């Protein structure tokens, strides 16, 4: 059973998140501020830390930096939770060592989809490039190489490829892809996924991503 640490200064948020996540079979612990989050990360070695950005004593950015700078900590995946939508707060979070960013208010199904996707990722500091014949996907550096040639992918294209490649052969529905990759961001058009798939195929070729008509897309190993 994987351990998740929830960090938020609002008890009702902690109660809601704990109830939602525990139903999926995860072991859940909570903290009320950044300092307590650092202490419990050392004590519990959680696989995933879901942490609010704005908190007393030590905020999410400071706590993230403290965790990443502590070499004695078994490094978790860290996702920041916040109601702030400004780009600079997201950039500050990633610069501090966060792996992901989830905006409030959080819908339960979206939250669980994000958690499941995050827990498929390698732990920070242990990530190894995924190698699939000619294609190499390095989730730790957002780097893709095809036949040893670097391929530049925008963030959403990389996240879409990363999702599909995380479980080769599994068919991801369009709703699952939209929920995990785009989440509760600004509403996008119905053809958004198709456009991103087309761009990936233009850069990687047609062999890696297969369309399952009427369902979604799957990743082929070659």
Protein backbone atom coordinates (compact mmCIF):
# COMPACT_ATOMS: atom_id res chain seq x y z
CA UNK A 1 0.00 0.00 0.00
CA UNK A 2 1.51 3.32 -1.08
CA UNK A 3 1.73 6.21 1.37
CA UNK A 4 0.52 9.72 0.56
CA UNK A 5 1.09 12.78 2.73
CA UNK A 6 -1.54 15.54 2.47
CA UNK A 7 -0.55 19.02 3.58
CA UNK A 8 -3.05 21.86 4.00
CA UNK A 9 -3.86 24.37 6.72
CA UNK A 10 -7.63 23.92 6.20
CA UNK A 11 -9.02 20.93 8.08
CA UNK A 12 -12.06 20.56 5.83
CA UNK A 13 -9.78 20.26 2.80
CA UNK A 14 -7.71 17.61 4.56
CA UNK A 15 -10.86 15.71 5.54
CA UNK A 16 -12.21 15.78 1.98
CA UNK A 17 -8.93 14.73 0.39
CA UNK A 18 -8.29 12.01 2.98
CA UNK A 19 -11.74 10.48 2.46
CA UNK A 20 -11.42 10.61 -1.34
CA UNK A 21 -7.93 9.09 -1.49
CA UNK A 22 -8.37 6.44 1.20
CA UNK A 23 -11.28 4.97 -0.76
CA UNK A 24 -8.75 4.12 -3.49
CA UNK A 25 -6.73 2.02 -1.08
CA UNK A 26 -3.88 4.43 -0.31
CA UNK A 27 -2.42 4.97 3.15
CA UNK A 28 -2.93 8.67 3.98
CA UNK A 29 -1.27 10.92 6.56
CA UNK A 30 -1.80 14.66 7.03
CA UNK A 31 0.08 17.79 8.07
CA UNK A 32 -1.14 21.34 8.71
CA UNK A 33 1.88 23.42 7.64
CA UNK A 34 5.14 23.19 5.72
CA UNK A 35 7.37 22.53 8.71
CA UNK A 36 5.18 19.64 9.81
CA UNK A 37 5.24 18.37 6.21
CA UNK A 38 9.05 18.25 6.21
CA UNK A 39 9.10 16.46 9.58
CA UNK A 40 6.53 13.87 8.48
CA UNK A 41 8.27 13.33 5.16
CA UNK A 42 11.41 12.41 7.09
CA UNK A 43 9.42 10.18 9.45
CA UNK A 44 7.07 8.45 6.99
CA UNK A 45 8.95 8.42 3.64
CA UNK A 46 5.74 8.90 1.61
CA UNK A 47 5.76 8.10 -2.10
CA UNK A 48 3.69 11.23 -2.85
CA UNK A 49 3.27 14.58 -1.08
CA UNK A 50 0.22 16.68 -2.03
CA UNK A 51 0.93 20.07 -0.52
CA UNK A 52 -0.92 23.38 -0.44
CA UNK A 53 1.07 26.38 -1.63
CA UNK A 54 -0.14 28.99 0.85
CA UNK A 55 0.31 27.90 4.49
CA UNK A 56 1.48 29.41 7.80
CA UNK A 57 4.90 28.85 9.43
CA UNK A 58 6.40 27.46 6.21
CA UNK A 59 4.64 27.65 2.84
CA UNK A 60 4.62 24.98 0.16
CA UNK A 61 7.53 26.47 -1.79
CA UNK A 62 9.75 26.64 1.30
CA UNK A 63 8.77 23.12 2.36
CA UNK A 64 9.47 21.77 -1.12
CA UNK A 65 12.93 23.33 -1.10
CA UNK A 66 13.62 21.96 2.40
CA UNK A 67 12.63 18.45 1.33
CA UNK A 68 14.68 18.54 -1.87
CA UNK A 69 17.74 19.90 -0.05
CA UNK A 70 17.67 17.24 2.68
CA UNK A 71 19.82 14.37 1.43
CA UNK A 72 18.67 12.14 4.29
CA UNK A 73 15.09 12.13 2.98
CA UNK A 74 13.85 9.39 0.68
CA UNK A 75 12.68 11.81 -1.99
CA UNK A 76 8.93 11.73 -2.74
CA UNK A 77 6.98 12.93 -5.73
CA UNK A 78 5.69 16.40 -4.82
CA UNK A 79 2.56 18.04 -6.22
CA UNK A 80 1.54 21.52 -5.13
CA UNK A 81 -2.14 22.33 -4.56
CA UNK A 82 -3.27 25.92 -4.89
CA UNK A 83 -6.15 28.14 -5.89
CA UNK A 84 -3.69 30.60 -7.41
CA UNK A 85 -3.57 30.41 -11.20
CA UNK A 86 -0.75 32.86 -11.93
CA UNK A 87 2.05 31.46 -14.07
CA UNK A 88 4.73 32.76 -11.70
CA UNK A 89 3.49 30.62 -8.80
CA UNK A 90 3.67 27.52 -10.98
CA UNK A 91 7.16 28.44 -12.16
CA UNK A 92 8.26 29.04 -8.55
CA UNK A 93 6.91 25.61 -7.61
CA UNK A 94 8.77 23.82 -10.38
CA UNK A 95 11.94 25.77 -9.62
CA UNK A 96 11.64 24.62 -5.99
CA UNK A 97 11.61 20.99 -7.12
CA UNK A 98 7.89 20.21 -7.41
CA UNK A 99 6.93 17.54 -9.93
CA UNK A 100 3.38 18.68 -10.61
CA UNK A 101 0.81 21.36 -9.93
CA UNK A 102 -2.91 20.82 -9.25
CA UNK A 103 -5.31 23.77 -9.15
CA UNK A 104 -8.16 24.11 -6.68
CA UNK A 105 -11.07 23.50 -6.54
CA UNK A 106 -10.27 19.82 -7.04
CA UNK A 107 -12.76 17.41 -8.53
CA UNK A 108 -12.49 13.93 -6.97
CA UNK A 109 -12.22 11.98 -10.24
CA UNK A 110 -9.60 14.37 -11.58
CA UNK A 111 -7.64 14.21 -8.34
CA UNK A 112 -7.54 10.42 -8.38
CA UNK A 113 -6.54 10.37 -12.04
CA UNK A 114 -3.69 12.79 -11.30
CA UNK A 115 -2.56 10.76 -8.28
CA UNK A 116 -2.53 7.54 -10.28
CA UNK A 117 -0.55 9.23 -13.06
CA UNK A 118 1.93 10.75 -10.61
CA UNK A 119 2.52 7.46 -8.84
CA UNK A 120 3.50 5.87 -12.14
CA UNK A 121 6.38 8.30 -12.37
CA UNK A 122 9.85 7.51 -11.05
CA UNK A 123 10.75 9.09 -7.70
CA UNK A 124 12.82 12.28 -8.00
CA UNK A 125 16.48 11.50 -8.12
CA UNK A 126 15.84 7.92 -9.24
CA UNK A 127 14.31 8.55 -12.63
CA UNK A 128 15.75 6.55 -15.47
CA UNK A 129 15.07 7.14 -19.13
CA UNK A 130 12.39 4.88 -20.54
CA UNK A 131 13.93 3.09 -23.49
CA UNK A 132 11.79 1.56 -26.18
CA UNK A 133 14.01 0.57 -29.08
CA UNK A 134 14.62 3.76 -31.02
CA UNK A 135 12.62 6.03 -28.71
CA UNK A 136 13.94 7.21 -25.33
CA UNK A 137 11.71 9.14 -22.91
CA UNK A 138 13.39 10.73 -19.88
CA UNK A 139 10.69 11.92 -17.50
CA UNK A 140 13.20 13.55 -15.13
CA UNK A 141 14.42 16.03 -17.74
CA UNK A 142 11.44 16.27 -20.13
CA UNK A 143 13.77 14.93 -22.81
CA UNK A 144 12.81 12.74 -25.77
CA UNK A 145 15.29 11.21 -28.20
CA UNK A 146 14.48 9.31 -31.38
CA UNK A 147 17.42 7.41 -32.92
CA UNK A 148 19.60 9.44 -30.52
CA UNK A 149 18.32 12.69 -32.01
CA UNK A 150 16.78 15.12 -29.53
CA UNK A 151 13.10 15.90 -30.15
CA UNK A 152 11.73 19.15 -28.74
CA UNK A 153 8.20 18.70 -27.37
CA UNK A 154 5.97 21.36 -25.81
CA UNK A 155 4.82 20.51 -22.27
CA UNK A 156 1.40 19.13 -23.20
CA UNK A 157 2.75 16.99 -26.02
CA UNK A 158 5.37 15.55 -23.65
CA UNK A 159 2.77 14.88 -20.94
CA UNK A 160 0.49 13.17 -23.47
CA UNK A 161 3.34 10.96 -24.73
CA UNK A 162 4.45 10.27 -21.15
CA UNK A 163 0.94 9.17 -20.18
CA UNK A 164 0.52 6.81 -23.12
CA UNK A 165 4.03 5.36 -22.75
CA UNK A 166 3.56 4.79 -19.01
CA UNK A 167 1.41 1.72 -19.82
CA UNK A 168 2.18 0.33 -23.28
CA UNK A 169 -0.77 -1.51 -24.77
CA UNK A 170 -3.35 0.11 -22.49
CA UNK A 171 -6.04 2.06 -24.28
CA UNK A 172 -6.56 5.48 -22.71
CA UNK A 173 -9.97 6.95 -23.44
CA UNK A 174 -10.30 10.53 -24.61
CA UNK A 175 -11.94 11.45 -21.29
CA UNK A 176 -9.05 9.92 -19.33
CA UNK A 177 -6.49 11.76 -21.43
CA UNK A 178 -8.32 15.07 -21.11
CA UNK A 179 -8.70 14.64 -17.34
CA UNK A 180 -5.09 13.64 -16.64
CA UNK A 181 -3.22 15.87 -19.10
CA UNK A 182 -5.43 18.96 -19.18
CA UNK A 183 -7.25 18.60 -15.84
CA UNK A 184 -9.34 21.57 -14.82
CA UNK A 185 -7.47 24.07 -16.96
CA UNK A 186 -9.27 26.39 -19.32
CA UNK A 187 -11.80 24.57 -21.47
CA UNK A 188 -10.30 23.38 -24.72
CA UNK A 189 -11.93 22.29 -27.95
CA UNK A 190 -13.00 18.76 -28.79
CA UNK A 191 -10.19 18.38 -31.31
CA UNK A 192 -7.39 19.34 -28.88
CA UNK A 193 -6.29 15.73 -28.27
CA UNK A 194 -6.40 14.93 -31.99
CA UNK A 195 -4.21 17.94 -32.78
CA UNK A 196 -1.62 16.95 -30.17
CA UNK A 197 -1.61 13.33 -31.38
CA UNK A 198 -1.11 14.52 -34.96
CA UNK A 199 1.83 16.71 -33.90
CA UNK A 200 3.42 13.82 -31.98
CA UNK A 201 3.10 11.58 -35.03
CA UNK A 202 4.67 14.26 -37.21
CA UNK A 203 7.70 14.29 -34.90
CA UNK A 204 7.94 10.61 -33.94
CA UNK A 205 6.36 8.82 -36.87
CA UNK A 206 3.14 6.82 -36.99
CA UNK A 207 4.37 3.63 -35.30
CA UNK A 208 4.24 4.60 -31.64
CA UNK A 209 0.69 5.86 -31.10
CA UNK A 210 -2.26 3.81 -32.34
CA UNK A 211 -5.81 5.06 -32.59
CA UNK A 212 -8.52 2.77 -31.24
CA UNK A 213 -11.55 3.97 -33.15
CA UNK A 214 -14.35 5.23 -30.96
CA UNK A 215 -12.33 4.72 -27.76
CA UNK A 216 -9.00 6.52 -27.56
CA UNK A 217 -5.29 5.95 -28.05
CA UNK A 218 -2.63 3.44 -27.03
CA UNK A 219 1.17 3.32 -27.09
CA UNK A 220 2.87 0.59 -29.14
CA UNK A 221 6.29 -0.83 -28.27
CA UNK A 222 8.44 -1.35 -31.32
